């Protein structure tokens, strides 16, 4: 298989895939952030009439396809915007109306060429891509669109940033949000056309959206997201192409499948936003609260000593979880365990004291500042005692005038 990758056609295909992956990944960030994913899908379908017209007049010409497709994409964008602004039609409905109509016209035109004019214009190549048939002219065109788009994004980064996140502020500063929008549509049209040979008009939206959505799971900073999206786009294109050659399947769909797999891997394992990470954060938080509940429970008994059976009967979790948490408390030197009893250590007594202080201070705060009846303050204080840090408690204590008793007449212990 590796010998195949050294063939000139394979190297052209791989280079085209890399450029398309980078281009779609970077541009896709603005498409996703502006909620324009459906519009990107629309433009990718709306270019087919441009392909039909350019082939009818200029034959099989890469430049002709580029000009015709770009013009068709821009016309579609203008018509969609006009409908959205002048006719009482939902935005997504306007997009659906135009892109399906133009896509249908393109299919009809290409079918007519193939049947009536004796031309051979394979619709499948435009719908799903044919990266293995990339020519040097296609490479030059894709490279030009890539360089032009990257330079445009760099030069207009500040304008793209503010019109993406704060369009009203941009307008108040005299920035034409519509002009930036239409310029972005032009670049999007160029990108779709440049991607036709690689992934086709149907699958290009996946390469525009998926790498960008993946990058947004990893960082909130736009510049970092742009770099990550470009990386994921290139990675998806290269791996998809290599796997397609290895398994003898179509490269375009393989690239999109790889991009989707990468998305789900990041969605699961991302350090902060991933499902797996969130699961462990929730699990640690639940175990922390359970640990503090056990300490508070033991603290209620004389001498801070209680039998194991009392703990297992009164703490409402499974015995397996409870055993794990109790062992964790013992490892942290907060409790000591004998054959039958659990006792608070010196560190455990301090922890229990501070939890009780937080509980009673919050009960006092609810009663004194909110006017809540003393009989109604316990449950909320029982929950919030786990989440009140020293700074918050210090502010609560200062606002209350350093009280010595809670609403029930129990002493508020000092901080230890």
Protein backbone atom coordinates (compact mmCIF):
# COMPACT_ATOMS: atom_id res chain seq x y z
CA UNK A 1 0.00 0.00 0.00
CA UNK A 2 2.81 2.41 0.86
CA UNK A 3 4.19 2.08 -2.66
CA UNK A 4 0.85 3.35 -3.99
CA UNK A 5 1.23 6.55 -1.94
CA UNK A 6 4.44 7.29 -3.85
CA UNK A 7 2.62 7.37 -7.18
CA UNK A 8 2.21 10.88 -8.69
CA UNK A 9 -1.60 10.64 -8.72
CA UNK A 10 -1.63 9.62 -5.05
CA UNK A 11 0.68 12.47 -4.06
CA UNK A 12 -1.53 14.96 -5.93
CA UNK A 13 -4.59 13.54 -4.20
CA UNK A 14 -2.92 13.65 -0.79
CA UNK A 15 -1.73 17.23 -1.29
CA UNK A 16 -5.23 18.29 -2.39
CA UNK A 17 -6.71 16.57 0.65
CA UNK A 18 -4.33 18.37 3.01
CA UNK A 19 -5.14 21.77 1.51
CA UNK A 20 -8.89 21.14 1.60
CA UNK A 21 -8.70 19.88 5.19
CA UNK A 22 -6.79 22.98 6.30
CA UNK A 23 -9.00 25.38 4.35
CA UNK A 24 -12.30 23.87 5.51
CA UNK A 25 -11.12 23.55 9.10
CA UNK A 26 -10.09 27.20 9.47
CA UNK A 27 -13.03 28.72 7.60
CA UNK A 28 -15.45 26.34 9.33
CA UNK A 29 -14.77 28.02 12.68
CA UNK A 30 -16.51 31.19 11.56
CA UNK A 31 -19.30 29.21 9.88
CA UNK A 32 -20.04 27.30 13.10
CA UNK A 33 -19.68 30.32 15.40
CA UNK A 34 -22.04 32.37 13.24
CA UNK A 35 -24.65 29.56 13.16
CA UNK A 36 -24.23 29.36 9.39
CA UNK A 37 -23.80 25.61 9.08
CA UNK A 38 -27.03 25.21 7.12
CA UNK A 39 -26.00 28.07 4.83
CA UNK A 40 -22.71 26.30 4.15
CA UNK A 41 -24.69 23.19 3.21
CA UNK A 42 -26.91 25.32 0.98
CA UNK A 43 -24.01 26.89 -0.90
CA UNK A 44 -22.37 23.51 -1.43
CA UNK A 45 -25.53 22.28 -3.17
CA UNK A 46 -26.35 25.51 -4.95
CA UNK A 47 -23.20 25.48 -7.07
CA UNK A 48 -24.42 22.67 -9.36
CA UNK A 49 -26.17 25.05 -11.81
CA UNK A 50 -22.86 26.89 -12.12
CA UNK A 51 -21.14 23.62 -13.04
CA UNK A 52 -23.80 22.92 -15.67
CA UNK A 53 -23.58 26.39 -17.24
CA UNK A 54 -19.76 26.48 -17.26
CA UNK A 55 -19.55 23.02 -18.85
CA UNK A 56 -22.14 23.96 -21.47
CA UNK A 57 -20.17 27.02 -22.59
CA UNK A 58 -16.52 26.16 -21.81
CA UNK A 59 -16.38 22.36 -21.66
CA UNK A 60 -14.44 20.47 -19.01
CA UNK A 61 -12.43 23.40 -17.63
CA UNK A 62 -11.25 23.71 -14.04
CA UNK A 63 -11.23 27.50 -14.25
CA UNK A 64 -14.66 27.46 -15.87
CA UNK A 65 -16.05 25.24 -13.10
CA UNK A 66 -14.50 27.52 -10.50
CA UNK A 67 -15.95 30.73 -11.95
CA UNK A 68 -19.38 29.23 -12.65
CA UNK A 69 -19.68 27.53 -9.28
CA UNK A 70 -18.51 30.59 -7.35
CA UNK A 71 -20.98 32.79 -9.21
CA UNK A 72 -23.81 30.33 -8.53
CA UNK A 73 -22.90 30.23 -4.83
CA UNK A 74 -22.88 34.00 -4.54
CA UNK A 75 -26.21 34.28 -6.37
CA UNK A 76 -27.71 31.72 -3.99
CA UNK A 77 -26.39 33.65 -0.96
CA UNK A 78 -27.84 36.91 -2.28
CA UNK A 79 -31.26 35.38 -3.01
CA UNK A 80 -31.38 33.76 0.44
CA UNK A 81 -30.49 37.04 2.13
CA UNK A 82 -33.09 38.92 0.08
CA UNK A 83 -35.83 36.45 1.04
CA UNK A 84 -34.85 36.60 4.71
CA UNK A 85 -34.99 40.41 4.71
CA UNK A 86 -38.02 41.07 2.50
CA UNK A 87 -40.41 38.11 2.76
CA UNK A 88 -42.03 36.72 5.88
CA UNK A 89 -40.23 33.41 5.72
CA UNK A 90 -38.16 31.74 8.42
CA UNK A 91 -34.40 31.97 7.86
CA UNK A 92 -33.83 28.23 7.68
CA UNK A 93 -36.86 27.81 5.39
CA UNK A 94 -35.44 30.40 2.98
CA UNK A 95 -32.16 28.52 2.89
CA UNK A 96 -33.94 25.20 2.28
CA UNK A 97 -36.08 26.63 -0.52
CA UNK A 98 -33.19 28.09 -2.51
CA UNK A 99 -30.56 25.39 -2.11
CA UNK A 100 -32.97 22.56 -3.01
CA UNK A 101 -34.23 24.50 -6.03
CA UNK A 102 -30.74 25.29 -7.32
CA UNK A 103 -29.49 21.78 -6.57
CA UNK A 104 -32.41 20.36 -8.52
CA UNK A 105 -31.73 22.68 -11.47
CA UNK A 106 -28.11 21.57 -11.51
CA UNK A 107 -29.04 17.88 -11.48
CA UNK A 108 -31.57 18.43 -14.27
CA UNK A 109 -29.03 20.37 -16.35
CA UNK A 110 -26.23 17.83 -15.95
CA UNK A 111 -28.62 14.93 -16.69
CA UNK A 112 -29.75 16.74 -19.85
CA UNK A 113 -26.15 17.22 -20.96
CA UNK A 114 -25.40 13.54 -20.49
CA UNK A 115 -28.51 12.29 -22.30
CA UNK A 116 -29.17 14.89 -25.01
CA UNK A 117 -25.79 16.42 -25.75
CA UNK A 118 -23.72 13.26 -25.55
CA UNK A 119 -21.48 14.80 -22.91
CA UNK A 120 -19.90 12.77 -20.14
CA UNK A 121 -20.16 14.76 -16.93
CA UNK A 122 -20.27 12.31 -14.03
CA UNK A 123 -22.63 13.76 -11.44
CA UNK A 124 -21.28 11.33 -8.85
CA UNK A 125 -17.83 12.96 -8.98
CA UNK A 126 -19.32 16.32 -8.04
CA UNK A 127 -21.60 14.94 -5.35
CA UNK A 128 -19.10 12.73 -3.56
CA UNK A 129 -15.74 13.89 -4.90
CA UNK A 130 -13.06 12.15 -6.92
CA UNK A 131 -9.79 13.06 -5.25
CA UNK A 132 -7.95 10.35 -7.17
CA UNK A 133 -8.62 12.28 -10.38
CA UNK A 134 -7.12 15.57 -9.16
CA UNK A 135 -5.06 17.32 -11.85
CA UNK A 136 -2.22 19.81 -11.51
CA UNK A 137 -4.67 22.53 -12.51
CA UNK A 138 -6.96 21.49 -9.64
CA UNK A 139 -4.01 21.67 -7.23
CA UNK A 140 -3.09 25.16 -8.36
CA UNK A 141 -6.69 26.34 -7.97
CA UNK A 142 -7.05 24.80 -4.50
CA UNK A 143 -3.69 26.26 -3.47
CA UNK A 144 -4.74 29.71 -4.67
CA UNK A 145 -8.03 29.56 -2.74
CA UNK A 146 -6.20 28.33 0.37
CA UNK A 147 -3.59 31.10 0.31
CA UNK A 148 -6.17 33.77 -0.52
CA UNK A 149 -8.54 32.64 2.24
CA UNK A 150 -5.86 32.34 4.94
CA UNK A 151 -4.43 35.77 4.10
CA UNK A 152 -7.94 37.28 4.09
CA UNK A 153 -8.74 35.75 7.50
CA UNK A 154 -5.45 37.03 8.95
CA UNK A 155 -5.92 40.55 7.60
CA UNK A 156 -9.59 40.76 8.54
CA UNK A 157 -9.30 38.81 11.79
CA UNK A 158 -10.37 41.68 14.05
CA UNK A 159 -13.37 42.49 11.84
CA UNK A 160 -14.37 38.83 11.66
CA UNK A 161 -13.96 38.50 15.43
CA UNK A 162 -16.12 41.46 16.42
CA UNK A 163 -18.82 40.83 13.80
CA UNK A 164 -19.00 37.20 14.90
CA UNK A 165 -19.29 37.77 18.65
CA UNK A 166 -20.57 41.36 18.95
CA UNK A 167 -22.35 42.40 15.72
CA UNK A 168 -24.30 45.23 17.38
CA UNK A 169 -21.14 46.75 18.83
CA UNK A 170 -19.51 46.39 15.41
CA UNK A 171 -22.37 48.33 13.82
CA UNK A 172 -22.10 51.07 16.45
CA UNK A 173 -18.40 51.38 15.52
CA UNK A 174 -19.29 51.92 11.87
CA UNK A 175 -18.30 48.43 10.71
CA UNK A 176 -20.50 47.05 7.95
CA UNK A 177 -21.62 43.69 9.31
CA UNK A 178 -23.39 42.89 6.03
CA UNK A 179 -20.23 43.50 4.00
CA UNK A 180 -18.23 41.16 6.22
CA UNK A 181 -21.04 38.60 5.96
CA UNK A 182 -21.09 38.70 2.17
CA UNK A 183 -17.29 38.61 2.02
CA UNK A 184 -17.37 35.49 4.19
CA UNK A 185 -19.97 34.04 1.82
CA UNK A 186 -17.63 34.68 -1.08
CA UNK A 187 -14.76 32.87 0.64
CA UNK A 188 -17.15 30.07 1.57
CA UNK A 189 -18.20 29.74 -2.08
CA UNK A 190 -14.55 29.58 -3.16
CA UNK A 191 -13.87 26.94 -0.50
CA UNK A 192 -16.81 24.79 -1.55
CA UNK A 193 -15.69 24.92 -5.17
CA UNK A 194 -12.09 24.09 -4.23
CA UNK A 195 -13.35 21.09 -2.26
CA UNK A 196 -15.52 19.62 -4.99
CA UNK A 197 -12.85 17.32 -6.39
CA UNK A 198 -11.84 16.07 -2.96
CA UNK A 199 -15.05 15.46 -0.98
CA UNK A 200 -17.87 16.63 -3.26
CA UNK A 201 -20.70 19.07 -2.69
CA UNK A 202 -22.64 16.80 -0.34
CA UNK A 203 -19.78 15.99 2.03
CA UNK A 204 -17.96 19.35 2.04
CA UNK A 205 -20.25 20.58 4.80
CA UNK A 206 -18.88 17.82 7.05
CA UNK A 207 -15.32 19.04 6.52
CA UNK A 208 -16.46 22.61 7.20
CA UNK A 209 -18.33 21.83 10.41
CA UNK A 210 -16.81 18.78 12.11
CA UNK A 211 -13.15 19.89 12.56
CA UNK A 212 -14.34 23.32 13.76
CA UNK A 213 -16.82 21.79 16.20
CA UNK A 214 -14.06 19.49 17.47
CA UNK A 215 -11.69 22.40 18.06
CA UNK A 216 -14.37 24.36 19.92
CA UNK A 217 -14.60 21.52 22.44
CA UNK A 218 -10.95 22.05 23.37
CA UNK A 219 -10.56 25.82 23.72
CA UNK A 220 -12.62 29.00 24.13
CA UNK A 221 -9.95 31.16 22.46
CA UNK A 222 -10.60 31.82 18.78
CA UNK A 223 -6.97 31.92 17.63
CA UNK A 224 -6.28 28.57 19.27
CA UNK A 225 -9.52 27.19 17.84
CA UNK A 226 -8.48 28.21 14.32
CA UNK A 227 -5.16 26.39 14.67
CA UNK A 228 -6.78 23.28 16.16
CA UNK A 229 -9.51 23.22 13.51
CA UNK A 230 -6.92 23.43 10.74
CA UNK A 231 -4.97 20.59 12.39
CA UNK A 232 -8.06 18.39 12.74
CA UNK A 233 -9.06 19.13 9.16
CA UNK A 234 -5.64 18.07 7.86
CA UNK A 235 -5.56 15.01 10.15
CA UNK A 236 -9.01 13.91 8.97
CA UNK A 237 -8.07 14.37 5.33
CA UNK A 238 -4.77 12.48 5.57
CA UNK A 239 -6.08 9.59 7.68
CA UNK A 240 -9.23 9.35 5.58
CA UNK A 241 -7.23 9.22 2.36
CA UNK A 242 -4.78 6.62 3.68
CA UNK A 243 -7.58 4.43 5.04
CA UNK A 244 -9.51 4.76 1.78
CA UNK A 245 -6.48 3.55 -0.19
CA UNK A 246 -5.87 0.71 2.29
CA UNK A 247 -9.46 -0.54 2.28
CA UNK A 248 -10.18 0.31 -1.34
CA UNK A 249 -13.07 2.66 -0.63
CA UNK A 250 -14.03 6.22 -1.58
CA UNK A 251 -11.67 8.85 -0.07
CA UNK A 252 -14.20 11.68 0.39
CA UNK A 253 -16.61 9.77 2.63
CA UNK A 254 -13.67 8.19 4.46
CA UNK A 255 -12.35 11.65 5.36
CA UNK A 256 -15.73 12.68 6.73
CA UNK A 257 -16.05 9.49 8.76
CA UNK A 258 -12.58 10.03 10.25
CA UNK A 259 -13.47 13.63 11.11
CA UNK A 260 -16.59 12.39 12.90
CA UNK A 261 -14.63 9.75 14.82
CA UNK A 262 -12.14 12.38 15.96
CA UNK A 263 -15.03 14.60 17.05
CA UNK A 264 -16.52 11.87 19.24
CA UNK A 265 -13.13 10.97 20.70
CA UNK A 266 -12.58 14.60 21.70
CA UNK A 267 -16.18 14.91 22.94
CA UNK A 268 -15.55 11.95 25.25
CA UNK A 269 -11.97 12.55 26.37
CA UNK A 270 -11.48 16.36 26.21
CA UNK A 271 -9.69 17.49 29.42
CA UNK A 272 -12.41 19.84 30.68
CA UNK A 273 -15.47 19.52 28.47
CA UNK A 274 -15.31 15.81 27.66
CA UNK A 275 -17.98 13.39 28.85
CA UNK A 276 -15.37 11.25 30.61
CA UNK A 277 -13.80 14.25 32.34
CA UNK A 278 -17.20 15.56 33.47
CA UNK A 279 -18.06 12.10 34.80
CA UNK A 280 -14.94 12.02 36.97
CA UNK A 281 -15.48 15.59 38.15
CA UNK A 282 -19.03 14.72 39.20
CA UNK A 283 -17.83 11.51 40.79
CA UNK A 284 -15.12 13.29 42.79
CA UNK A 285 -17.59 15.95 43.92
CA UNK A 286 -20.12 13.31 44.97
CA UNK A 287 -17.45 11.40 46.90
CA UNK A 288 -16.25 14.62 48.57
CA UNK A 289 -19.75 15.50 49.76
CA UNK A 290 -20.33 11.92 50.93
CA UNK A 291 -17.04 12.04 52.85
CA UNK A 292 -18.10 15.23 54.63
CA UNK A 293 -21.52 13.74 55.39
CA UNK A 294 -19.82 10.78 57.07
CA UNK A 295 -17.60 13.11 59.14
CA UNK A 296 -20.64 15.13 60.23
CA UNK A 297 -22.51 11.94 61.09
CA UNK A 298 -19.68 10.57 63.27
CA UNK A 299 -19.32 13.99 64.91
CA UNK A 300 -22.87 13.72 66.29
CA UNK A 301 -21.96 10.79 68.57
CA UNK A 302 -20.32 11.03 72.00
CA UNK A 303 -16.55 10.97 71.76
CA UNK A 304 -16.78 11.19 67.97
CA UNK A 305 -16.98 7.41 67.80
CA UNK A 306 -19.69 5.35 66.08
CA UNK A 307 -20.14 1.72 65.14
CA UNK A 308 -19.71 0.73 61.51
CA UNK A 309 -23.22 -0.69 61.44
CA UNK A 310 -24.65 2.73 62.40
CA UNK A 311 -22.86 4.35 59.48
CA UNK A 312 -23.95 1.70 56.99
CA UNK A 313 -27.56 1.87 58.18
CA UNK A 314 -27.90 5.68 58.12
CA UNK A 315 -25.86 6.84 55.11
CA UNK A 316 -28.03 6.27 52.06
CA UNK A 317 -25.56 4.84 49.53
CA UNK A 318 -24.47 1.35 48.56
CA UNK A 319 -22.18 -0.53 50.93
CA UNK A 320 -19.54 -0.80 48.20
CA UNK A 321 -19.41 3.00 47.66
CA UNK A 322 -19.51 3.63 51.39
CA UNK A 323 -16.60 1.26 52.00
CA UNK A 324 -14.53 3.04 49.33
CA UNK A 325 -15.23 6.46 50.81
CA UNK A 326 -14.50 5.31 54.38
CA UNK A 327 -11.19 3.82 53.27
CA UNK A 328 -10.39 7.09 51.52
CA UNK A 329 -11.09 9.04 54.71
CA UNK A 330 -8.81 6.68 56.63
CA UNK A 331 -6.04 7.15 54.05
CA UNK A 332 -6.36 10.93 54.46
CA UNK A 333 -6.03 10.54 58.24
CA UNK A 334 -9.50 12.01 58.88
CA UNK A 335 -10.84 8.91 60.62
CA UNK A 336 -9.51 5.82 62.29
CA UNK A 337 -11.06 2.41 61.75
CA UNK A 338 -11.14 -0.54 64.13
CA UNK A 339 -12.88 -3.87 63.70
CA UNK A 340 -16.24 -2.48 64.82
CA UNK A 341 -15.92 1.29 65.14
CA UNK A 342 -15.16 4.44 63.22
CA UNK A 343 -13.70 7.43 65.08
CA UNK A 344 -12.70 10.92 64.01
CA UNK A 345 -9.01 11.69 64.14
CA UNK A 346 -7.71 15.06 65.29
CA UNK A 347 -7.81 16.27 61.69
CA UNK A 348 -11.32 14.85 61.36
CA UNK A 349 -12.51 16.77 64.41
CA UNK A 350 -11.22 20.02 62.88
CA UNK A 351 -12.97 19.21 59.60
CA UNK A 352 -16.23 18.46 61.43
CA UNK A 353 -15.93 21.71 63.37
CA UNK A 354 -15.55 23.76 60.19
CA UNK A 355 -18.46 21.99 58.50
CA UNK A 356 -20.66 22.63 61.52
CA UNK A 357 -19.56 26.28 61.52
CA UNK A 358 -20.52 26.64 57.83
CA UNK A 359 -23.88 24.97 58.47
CA UNK A 360 -24.86 27.14 61.41
CA UNK A 361 -23.60 30.36 59.85
CA UNK A 362 -25.73 29.76 56.78
CA UNK A 363 -28.76 28.93 58.90
CA UNK A 364 -28.23 32.24 60.71
CA UNK A 365 -27.81 34.10 57.41
CA UNK A 366 -31.08 32.70 56.04
CA UNK A 367 -32.97 33.62 59.20
CA UNK A 368 -31.47 37.08 59.82
CA UNK A 369 -31.26 38.44 56.27
CA UNK A 370 -33.98 36.51 54.42
CA UNK A 371 -36.49 36.23 57.24
CA UNK A 372 -36.84 32.45 56.83
CA UNK A 373 -38.35 30.58 59.75
CA UNK A 374 -35.73 28.67 61.82
CA UNK A 375 -37.57 25.41 61.14
CA UNK A 376 -37.08 25.90 57.39
CA UNK A 377 -33.37 26.69 57.20
CA UNK A 378 -31.81 23.32 57.92
CA UNK A 379 -32.13 21.54 54.57
CA UNK A 380 -30.54 24.29 52.46
CA UNK A 381 -27.74 24.76 55.00
CA UNK A 382 -27.20 21.00 54.98
CA UNK A 383 -26.52 21.20 51.23
CA UNK A 384 -24.59 24.47 51.07
CA UNK A 385 -22.22 23.65 53.91
CA UNK A 386 -20.25 21.58 51.37
CA UNK A 387 -19.77 24.53 49.00
CA UNK A 388 -19.00 27.52 51.24
CA UNK A 389 -15.29 28.35 51.25
CA UNK A 390 -13.48 30.42 53.88
CA UNK A 391 -13.80 33.68 51.94
CA UNK A 392 -17.58 33.36 51.62
CA UNK A 393 -17.96 32.32 55.24
CA UNK A 394 -15.82 35.25 56.37
CA UNK A 395 -18.03 37.67 54.44
CA UNK A 396 -21.21 36.05 55.82
CA UNK A 397 -19.85 36.23 59.35
CA UNK A 398 -18.87 39.90 58.94
CA UNK A 399 -22.27 40.82 57.51
CA UNK A 400 -24.03 39.07 60.39
CA UNK A 401 -21.92 40.87 63.00
CA UNK A 402 -19.98 37.77 64.11
CA UNK A 403 -22.88 35.91 65.75
CA UNK A 404 -22.22 33.34 68.46
CA UNK A 405 -25.46 31.34 68.13
CA UNK A 406 -27.56 30.01 65.26
CA UNK A 407 -31.37 30.49 65.10
CA UNK A 408 -31.87 27.35 67.19
CA UNK A 409 -29.67 28.63 70.02
CA UNK A 410 -26.75 26.31 69.23
CA UNK A 411 -23.26 27.81 69.45
CA UNK A 412 -21.47 28.67 66.20
CA UNK A 413 -18.00 27.17 66.58
CA UNK A 414 -14.97 29.30 65.72
CA UNK A 415 -12.84 28.51 62.69
CA UNK A 416 -10.04 26.02 63.34
